[in-house]
Amino acid sequence: MPYKKRRVLILSEIISPYRIPVFNALAKHEGIDLRVVFLSETDAGLRQWRVYKDEIRFAYDVLPSWRFRTGKYNLLLNWGLRSCLKKFAPEAIICGGYNYFASWEALSWTRRHEAELILWSESNRHDARGGQALVESLKARFLAGCDRFVVPGRASREYLQSLGSTQEDIVIAPNAVDNNWFRIQADSIRDRASEFRAKYGLPARYLLFAGRLVPEKGVFDLLNGYAKLEGDVRSKVGLVFAGDGPCLTELERQARRINPGITCFPGFVHREDLAGLYAFAEALILPTHSDPWGLVVNEGMACGLPVIVSSVAGCAVDLVEDGWNGYIVPPRDWERLSVAIDSLLRNPVLRQQMSLRSLERIRDYSPEACAQGLAAAAISFAGQAR
């Protein structure tokens, strides 16, 4: 008698490049019949990512949508989900959040059709998006309707436990990027180093920030920490901000006042060239004030970079060991950040050791490992819905 696969539908906001390898791996799982429903193809107002549809190896739909953003609030309305649910008839729905109307529609559907709802949550206790009474009330109501949870690591698991979920109801699916792709791409760009460096005007040596240029990413903390370094260090090692955002002009203005100092602003860089920026950097720095995870850390480590990250980044507790493959510093503390940078730059032997340790640590954070966690949440507890 043939093995019956479990029909699993994933609700995901956009076609993110880092989710495609995970969903491809999950689609290969012998116990999963997968369909992914994207609420939107992309979010052009916030992200400049390319949509790599040619890499998709799983069944999917993109719902018609209307998006409205004001300040930090993002309203995304969809239609057509009910038709997708009726046609596919999932036995389990993995939902990537509770802040979309489609998520609540999925919750309602699972209750009426005796299916399971699994929340895929990256939030942690440092997440600046929470705290408002209405938001917390809606969150509690949605969590109460979930059968179990999937999280990327320890920080998000501890947060869910603080909200009343039990450890038995939480499965870890480690957040991942395509490590092999980034490693191979970085090696390829190293073979044409002069051409690539000239393309972006890169310093001979540099520290790298990759992300949106907004205050909450700690970009001004990083600039202040760099300015605090001794002049002999700043004259040899530059600081590269790869990304775009509303703080670009002010960052450039403040950077011009640092003398000696070398700063570079290549703008938004797609993943093909981002791997090259990782390839030649001395370290990746993410001094964020709040971040559910921080996948740039995965990417940098896949290219062999030591990492300096703030303690509130969701990935910090899982990916970075202070003094082992990088440093963990308090958020908004540019003096401590500067000390960590100086320690890393003045010790090339330690930096090389940290590089190898990053490669060692990131092996366990693969698309296949993430897919295995999602499959475990969807299959292992089948028939144990609340």
Protein backbone atom coordinates (compact mmCIF):
# COMPACT_ATOMS: atom_id res chain seq x y z
CA MET A 1 0.00 0.00 0.00
CA PRO A 2 1.55 3.36 -1.03
CA TYR A 3 2.54 5.80 1.70
CA LYS A 4 0.01 8.62 2.06
CA LYS A 5 1.53 12.04 1.99
CA ARG A 6 0.16 14.77 4.23
CA ARG A 7 -1.23 17.80 2.45
CA VAL A 8 0.53 20.86 3.85
CA LEU A 9 -0.12 24.43 2.76
CA ILE A 10 2.25 27.25 3.69
CA LEU A 11 1.05 30.85 3.80
CA SER A 12 4.00 33.15 3.12
CA GLU A 13 4.02 36.91 2.57
CA ILE A 14 6.27 37.24 -0.50
CA ILE A 15 8.51 35.13 -2.75
CA SER A 16 11.67 35.67 -0.70
CA PRO A 17 14.95 34.43 -2.22
CA TYR A 18 15.99 32.82 1.06
CA ARG A 19 12.73 30.84 1.40
CA ILE A 20 12.83 29.26 -2.06
CA PRO A 21 15.62 26.74 -1.18
CA VAL A 22 13.75 25.80 2.02
CA PHE A 23 10.47 25.19 0.20
CA ASN A 24 12.29 23.29 -2.56
CA ALA A 25 13.78 20.99 0.09
CA LEU A 26 10.42 20.54 1.82
CA ALA A 27 8.73 19.66 -1.49
CA LYS A 28 11.13 16.70 -1.78
CA HIS A 29 10.10 15.28 1.60
CA GLU A 30 8.53 11.85 1.16
CA GLY A 31 5.77 12.57 3.68
CA ILE A 32 4.71 16.00 2.42
CA ASP A 33 2.42 17.08 -0.40
CA LEU A 34 3.33 20.78 -0.42
CA ARG A 35 1.61 23.86 -1.75
CA VAL A 36 2.77 27.39 -0.97
CA VAL A 37 0.42 30.36 -1.18
CA PHE A 38 2.16 33.74 -1.39
CA LEU A 39 0.16 36.76 -0.30
CA SER A 40 2.11 38.95 -2.71
CA GLU A 41 4.86 38.43 -5.25
CA THR A 42 7.08 41.06 -3.61
CA ASP A 43 6.98 44.23 -1.53
CA ALA A 44 8.48 46.83 -3.82
CA GLY A 45 8.00 49.63 -1.30
CA LEU A 46 10.28 47.98 1.26
CA ARG A 47 12.48 45.42 -0.52
CA GLN A 48 14.39 45.53 -3.77
CA TRP A 49 14.97 41.79 -4.00
CA ARG A 50 14.70 40.11 -7.35
CA VAL A 51 12.00 37.45 -7.68
CA TYR A 52 13.78 34.24 -8.67
CA LYS A 53 10.81 32.30 -10.04
CA ASP A 54 13.06 30.17 -12.23
CA GLU A 55 14.48 28.55 -9.07
CA ILE A 56 11.09 27.44 -7.72
CA ARG A 57 10.58 23.66 -7.62
CA PHE A 58 7.34 23.50 -5.63
CA ALA A 59 3.66 24.09 -6.39
CA TYR A 60 2.53 27.60 -5.53
CA ASP A 61 -0.05 30.34 -6.01
CA VAL A 62 0.26 34.11 -5.70
CA LEU A 63 -2.95 35.69 -4.41
CA PRO A 64 -4.27 38.97 -5.79
CA SER A 65 -3.51 41.65 -3.22
CA TRP A 66 -3.72 45.28 -2.21
CA ARG A 67 -1.08 46.75 0.08
CA PHE A 68 -1.14 49.95 2.09
CA ARG A 69 1.71 51.14 4.32
CA THR A 70 1.72 54.06 6.72
CA GLY A 71 4.69 54.49 9.03
CA LYS A 72 5.57 51.13 10.53
CA TYR A 73 2.14 49.64 9.82
CA ASN A 74 1.68 47.38 6.83
CA LEU A 75 -1.84 46.47 5.67
CA LEU A 76 -2.05 43.63 3.13
CA LEU A 77 -5.45 42.53 1.86
CA ASN A 78 -5.94 39.42 -0.27
CA TRP A 79 -8.72 37.63 -2.06
CA GLY A 80 -8.84 34.12 -3.48
CA LEU A 81 -7.47 32.24 -0.47
CA ARG A 82 -10.74 30.42 0.19
CA SER A 83 -10.68 28.99 -3.34
CA CYS A 84 -7.09 27.74 -2.87
CA LEU A 85 -7.99 26.10 0.44
CA LYS A 86 -11.06 24.43 -0.99
CA LYS A 87 -9.14 23.08 -3.98
CA PHE A 88 -6.10 21.79 -2.08
CA ALA A 89 -7.92 20.81 1.15
CA PRO A 90 -4.82 20.97 3.38
CA GLU A 91 -4.58 18.80 6.47
CA ALA A 92 -2.19 21.31 8.00
CA ILE A 93 -1.55 25.00 7.34
CA ILE A 94 1.77 26.59 8.28
CA CYS A 95 1.15 30.29 8.66
CA GLY A 96 4.00 32.81 8.66
CA GLY A 97 2.40 35.35 10.99
CA TYR A 98 -0.82 36.58 12.54
CA ASN A 99 -0.73 40.16 11.24
CA TYR A 100 -2.46 39.51 7.91
CA PHE A 101 -6.17 39.10 7.26
CA ALA A 102 -5.32 35.94 5.32
CA SER A 103 -3.85 34.43 8.49
CA TRP A 104 -7.15 34.85 10.30
CA GLU A 105 -9.01 33.42 7.33
CA ALA A 106 -6.72 30.38 7.52
CA LEU A 107 -7.39 30.05 11.24
CA SER A 108 -11.13 30.07 10.63
CA TRP A 109 -10.80 27.52 7.84
CA THR A 110 -8.81 25.06 9.97
CA ARG A 111 -11.41 25.21 12.76
CA ARG A 112 -14.25 24.50 10.36
CA HIS A 113 -12.48 21.69 8.52
CA GLU A 114 -10.67 19.97 11.41
CA ALA A 115 -7.26 20.80 9.99
CA GLU A 116 -4.23 21.89 12.00
CA LEU A 117 -2.82 25.40 12.17
CA ILE A 118 0.90 25.79 12.79
CA LEU A 119 2.31 29.26 13.42
CA TRP A 120 5.78 29.89 12.00
CA SER A 121 6.99 32.66 14.32
CA GLU A 122 10.30 34.54 14.43
CA SER A 123 9.33 37.05 17.12
CA ASN A 124 11.40 37.34 20.28
CA ARG A 125 11.12 39.38 23.48
CA HIS A 126 13.30 42.16 22.03
CA ASP A 127 11.05 42.62 19.00
CA ALA A 128 10.17 46.32 18.79
CA ARG A 129 7.03 45.58 16.81
CA GLY A 130 5.09 44.39 19.85
CA GLY A 131 3.95 45.99 23.09
CA GLN A 132 0.69 47.70 22.11
CA ALA A 133 -2.39 46.47 23.95
CA LEU A 134 -4.50 45.80 20.85
CA VAL A 135 -1.65 44.02 19.09
CA GLU A 136 -0.91 41.88 22.14
CA SER A 137 -4.60 41.00 22.51
CA LEU A 138 -4.85 39.88 18.88
CA LYS A 139 -1.60 37.95 19.23
CA ALA A 140 -2.88 36.06 22.29
CA ARG A 141 -6.13 35.22 20.54
CA PHE A 142 -4.33 33.91 17.44
CA LEU A 143 -1.83 31.87 19.46
CA ALA A 144 -4.69 30.25 21.36
CA GLY A 145 -6.07 28.98 18.04
CA CYS A 146 -2.81 27.35 16.94
CA ASP A 147 -2.11 23.64 17.35
CA ARG A 148 1.65 24.09 17.52
CA PHE A 149 4.50 26.39 16.56
CA VAL A 150 7.64 26.48 14.43
CA VAL A 151 10.49 28.80 15.40
CA PRO A 152 13.96 29.48 13.96
CA GLY A 153 15.88 29.30 17.23
CA ARG A 154 16.12 29.62 20.98
CA ALA A 155 15.19 33.31 21.32
CA SER A 156 11.84 32.84 19.58
CA ARG A 157 11.17 29.58 21.43
CA GLU A 158 11.74 31.25 24.80
CA TYR A 159 9.45 34.10 23.78
CA LEU A 160 6.59 31.74 22.91
CA GLN A 161 7.12 29.91 26.19
CA SER A 162 6.85 33.23 28.02
CA LEU A 163 3.43 33.67 26.38
CA GLY A 164 2.23 30.33 27.72
CA SER A 165 3.16 27.80 25.03
CA THR A 166 4.79 24.59 26.18
CA GLN A 167 8.12 23.37 24.87
CA GLU A 168 6.40 20.23 23.57
CA ASP A 169 4.29 22.36 21.23
CA ILE A 170 7.29 24.14 19.69
CA VAL A 171 9.48 22.73 16.90
CA ILE A 172 12.72 24.37 15.79
CA ALA A 173 13.27 24.79 12.05
CA PRO A 174 16.61 26.63 11.96
CA ASN A 175 16.57 29.74 9.79
CA ALA A 176 18.70 29.18 6.73
CA VAL A 177 20.02 30.49 3.46
CA ASP A 178 21.54 28.43 0.67
CA ASN A 179 24.99 28.09 2.25
CA ASN A 180 26.48 26.23 -0.71
CA TRP A 181 25.29 28.86 -3.18
CA PHE A 182 26.85 31.72 -1.20
CA ARG A 183 30.12 29.83 -0.72
CA ILE A 184 30.42 28.94 -4.42
CA GLN A 185 29.44 32.45 -5.53
CA ALA A 186 31.97 34.02 -3.16
CA ASP A 187 34.72 31.74 -4.46
CA SER A 188 33.80 32.60 -8.04
CA ILE A 189 34.06 36.34 -7.36
CA ARG A 190 37.40 35.91 -5.58
CA ASP A 191 38.75 34.64 -8.90
CA ARG A 192 38.04 38.08 -10.45
CA ALA A 193 38.88 40.17 -7.42
CA SER A 194 40.30 43.24 -9.21
CA GLU A 195 37.29 43.59 -11.49
CA PHE A 196 34.80 43.24 -8.64
CA ARG A 197 36.61 45.63 -6.30
CA ALA A 198 36.78 48.24 -9.05
CA LYS A 199 33.06 47.87 -9.78
CA TYR A 200 32.12 49.00 -6.26
CA GLY A 201 35.20 51.03 -5.35
CA LEU A 202 35.95 48.77 -2.41
CA PRO A 203 38.77 49.53 0.05
CA ALA A 204 41.64 47.04 0.27
CA ARG A 205 40.34 46.07 3.72
CA TYR A 206 36.90 46.77 5.13
CA LEU A 207 34.17 45.94 7.62
CA LEU A 208 30.73 45.26 6.16
CA PHE A 209 27.18 46.19 7.07
CA ALA A 210 24.45 44.76 4.81
CA GLY A 211 20.82 45.79 5.24
CA ARG A 212 18.38 48.68 5.20
CA LEU A 213 19.89 52.03 6.12
CA VAL A 214 17.50 52.90 8.93
CA PRO A 215 18.24 53.95 12.55
CA GLU A 216 16.83 50.75 14.03
CA LYS A 217 19.50 48.71 12.27
CA GLY A 218 22.12 50.54 14.35
CA VAL A 219 23.86 52.12 11.36
CA PHE A 220 24.74 55.32 13.23
CA ASP A 221 26.04 53.26 16.17
CA LEU A 222 28.33 51.48 13.71
CA LEU A 223 29.57 54.74 12.21
CA ASN A 224 30.26 56.14 15.68
CA GLY A 225 32.03 52.93 16.68
CA TYR A 226 34.20 53.13 13.58
CA ALA A 227 35.03 56.79 14.27
CA LYS A 228 36.14 55.80 17.79
CA LEU A 229 38.86 53.48 16.41
CA GLU A 230 42.45 54.72 16.47
CA GLY A 231 43.49 56.68 13.39
CA ASP A 232 46.05 54.07 12.34
CA VAL A 233 43.26 51.49 12.12
CA ARG A 234 40.84 53.75 10.24
CA SER A 235 43.52 54.67 7.72
CA LYS A 236 43.92 51.00 6.76
CA VAL A 237 40.43 49.52 7.21
CA GLY A 238 37.30 50.97 5.67
CA LEU A 239 33.60 50.63 6.44
CA VAL A 240 31.15 49.54 3.73
CA PHE A 241 27.39 50.07 4.05
CA ALA A 242 25.68 47.83 1.48
CA GLY A 243 22.04 48.84 1.27
CA ASP A 244 19.66 51.70 0.75
CA GLY A 245 17.23 53.59 2.93
CA PRO A 246 16.18 56.96 4.33
CA CYS A 247 19.39 57.41 6.35
CA LEU A 248 21.74 57.22 3.37
CA THR A 249 22.26 60.98 2.93
CA GLU A 250 22.83 61.63 6.64
CA LEU A 251 25.19 58.66 6.94
CA GLU A 252 27.25 59.95 4.02
CA ARG A 253 27.34 63.42 5.57
CA GLN A 254 28.56 62.14 8.93
CA ALA A 255 31.02 59.76 7.30
CA ARG A 256 32.76 62.64 5.51
CA ARG A 257 33.68 64.10 8.91
CA ILE A 258 35.70 61.03 9.92
CA ASN A 259 39.38 61.70 9.17
CA PRO A 260 41.28 59.52 8.66
CA GLY A 261 38.60 57.14 7.52
CA ILE A 262 37.40 55.19 4.49
CA THR A 263 33.68 54.73 3.94
CA CYS A 264 31.88 53.25 0.96
CA PHE A 265 28.18 53.23 0.04
CA PRO A 266 27.59 50.87 -2.90
CA GLY A 267 23.79 51.06 -2.56
CA PHE A 268 21.44 48.09 -2.70
CA VAL A 269 23.32 45.00 -3.88
CA HIS A 270 21.58 41.90 -5.24
CA ARG A 271 22.60 38.55 -3.82
CA GLU A 272 24.94 37.69 -6.75
CA ASP A 273 27.23 40.60 -5.87
CA LEU A 274 26.45 40.58 -2.15
CA ALA A 275 28.34 37.30 -1.93
CA GLY A 276 31.35 39.17 -3.31
CA LEU A 277 31.10 41.86 -0.65
CA TYR A 278 31.13 39.10 1.97
CA ALA A 279 34.08 37.43 0.22
CA PHE A 280 36.47 40.36 0.73
CA ALA A 281 35.26 41.72 4.08
CA GLU A 282 37.14 41.36 7.37
CA ALA A 283 33.89 40.89 9.33
CA LEU A 284 30.14 41.36 9.10
CA ILE A 285 28.56 43.72 11.64
CA LEU A 286 24.85 43.81 12.55
CA PRO A 287 24.36 46.29 15.41
CA THR A 288 20.57 46.17 15.19
CA HIS A 289 18.24 47.57 17.85
CA SER A 290 15.60 44.93 17.08
CA ASP A 291 15.59 42.04 14.63
CA PRO A 292 13.56 38.82 14.65
CA TRP A 293 16.59 36.97 13.24
CA GLY A 294 19.07 38.62 10.83
CA LEU A 295 19.65 36.37 7.82
CA VAL A 296 22.59 38.48 6.65
CA VAL A 297 24.47 36.80 9.49
CA ASN A 298 23.76 33.39 7.93
CA GLU A 299 24.97 34.71 4.57
CA GLY A 300 28.15 36.21 5.99
CA MET A 301 29.00 33.09 7.96
CA ALA A 302 28.41 30.93 4.86
CA CYS A 303 31.17 33.03 3.23
CA GLY A 304 33.47 32.52 6.24
CA LEU A 305 33.08 35.83 8.07
CA PRO A 306 33.49 36.52 11.76
CA VAL A 307 30.39 38.32 13.02
CA ILE A 308 29.79 41.18 15.45
CA VAL A 309 26.10 41.31 16.34
CA SER A 310 23.97 43.03 18.95
CA SER A 311 22.47 40.86 21.66
CA VAL A 312 18.88 41.62 20.61
CA ALA A 313 19.20 40.04 17.16
CA GLY A 314 17.26 36.79 17.15
CA CYS A 315 20.17 34.90 15.60
CA ALA A 316 22.73 35.97 18.21
CA VAL A 317 22.13 33.20 20.74
CA ASP A 318 22.18 30.47 18.09
CA LEU A 319 24.81 31.55 15.57
CA VAL A 320 27.38 33.61 17.46
CA GLU A 321 29.49 32.65 20.47
CA ASP A 322 31.14 35.67 22.04
CA GLY A 323 34.90 35.42 21.52
CA TRP A 324 34.59 32.18 19.49
CA ASN A 325 33.35 33.12 16.02
CA GLY A 326 32.67 36.80 16.70
CA TYR A 327 31.38 39.11 19.39
CA ILE A 328 27.98 39.90 20.90
CA VAL A 329 27.55 43.49 22.07
CA PRO A 330 24.69 45.43 23.71
CA PRO A 331 22.48 47.41 21.32
CA ARG A 332 23.04 51.19 21.07
CA ASP A 333 26.44 50.86 22.77
CA TRP A 334 28.85 52.15 20.14
CA GLU A 335 31.76 52.21 22.58
CA ARG A 336 31.48 48.47 23.27
CA LEU A 337 31.00 47.96 19.55
CA SER A 338 34.21 49.87 18.84
CA VAL A 339 36.15 47.75 21.34
CA ALA A 340 34.91 44.56 19.66
CA ILE A 341 35.87 45.85 16.21
CA ASP A 342 39.32 46.88 17.41
CA SER A 343 39.91 43.50 19.05
CA LEU A 344 39.00 41.71 15.85
CA LEU A 345 41.09 43.89 13.53
CA ARG A 346 44.24 43.82 15.66
CA ASN A 347 44.34 40.02 15.93
CA PRO A 348 44.60 38.38 12.49
CA VAL A 349 45.16 34.91 13.94
CA LEU A 350 41.96 35.11 15.99
CA ARG A 351 40.12 36.51 12.97
CA GLN A 352 41.14 33.49 10.89
CA GLN A 353 40.06 31.11 13.65
CA MET A 354 36.70 32.88 13.89
CA SER A 355 36.28 32.59 10.14
CA LEU A 356 36.71 28.80 10.24
CA ARG A 357 34.38 28.53 13.23
CA SER A 358 31.66 30.48 11.43
CA LEU A 359 31.86 27.99 8.55
CA GLU A 360 31.66 25.15 11.05
CA ARG A 361 28.65 26.56 12.89
CA ILE A 362 26.59 27.48 9.81
CA ARG A 363 26.65 23.94 8.38
CA ASP A 364 23.78 23.00 10.69
CA TYR A 365 21.68 25.92 9.40
CA SER A 366 20.86 24.63 5.94
CA PRO A 367 17.65 24.72 3.86
CA GLU A 368 17.39 20.97 4.40
CA ALA A 369 17.57 21.35 8.19
CA CYS A 370 14.88 24.05 8.11
CA ALA A 371 12.68 21.90 5.87
CA GLN A 372 13.11 18.94 8.22
CA GLY A 373 11.85 21.06 11.13
CA LEU A 374 8.81 22.21 9.15
CA ALA A 375 8.07 18.62 8.16
CA ALA A 376 8.35 17.46 11.75
CA ALA A 377 5.83 20.08 12.85
CA ALA A 378 3.42 19.08 10.08
CA ILE A 379 3.73 15.28 10.35
CA SER A 380 5.05 14.16 13.74
CA PHE A 381 2.02 15.45 15.65
CA ALA A 382 -0.61 14.48 13.10
CA GLY A 383 -3.92 13.73 14.76
CA GLN A 384 -2.92 15.47 17.99
CA ALA A 385 -4.68 18.77 17.31
CA ARG A 386 -6.07 20.56 20.36
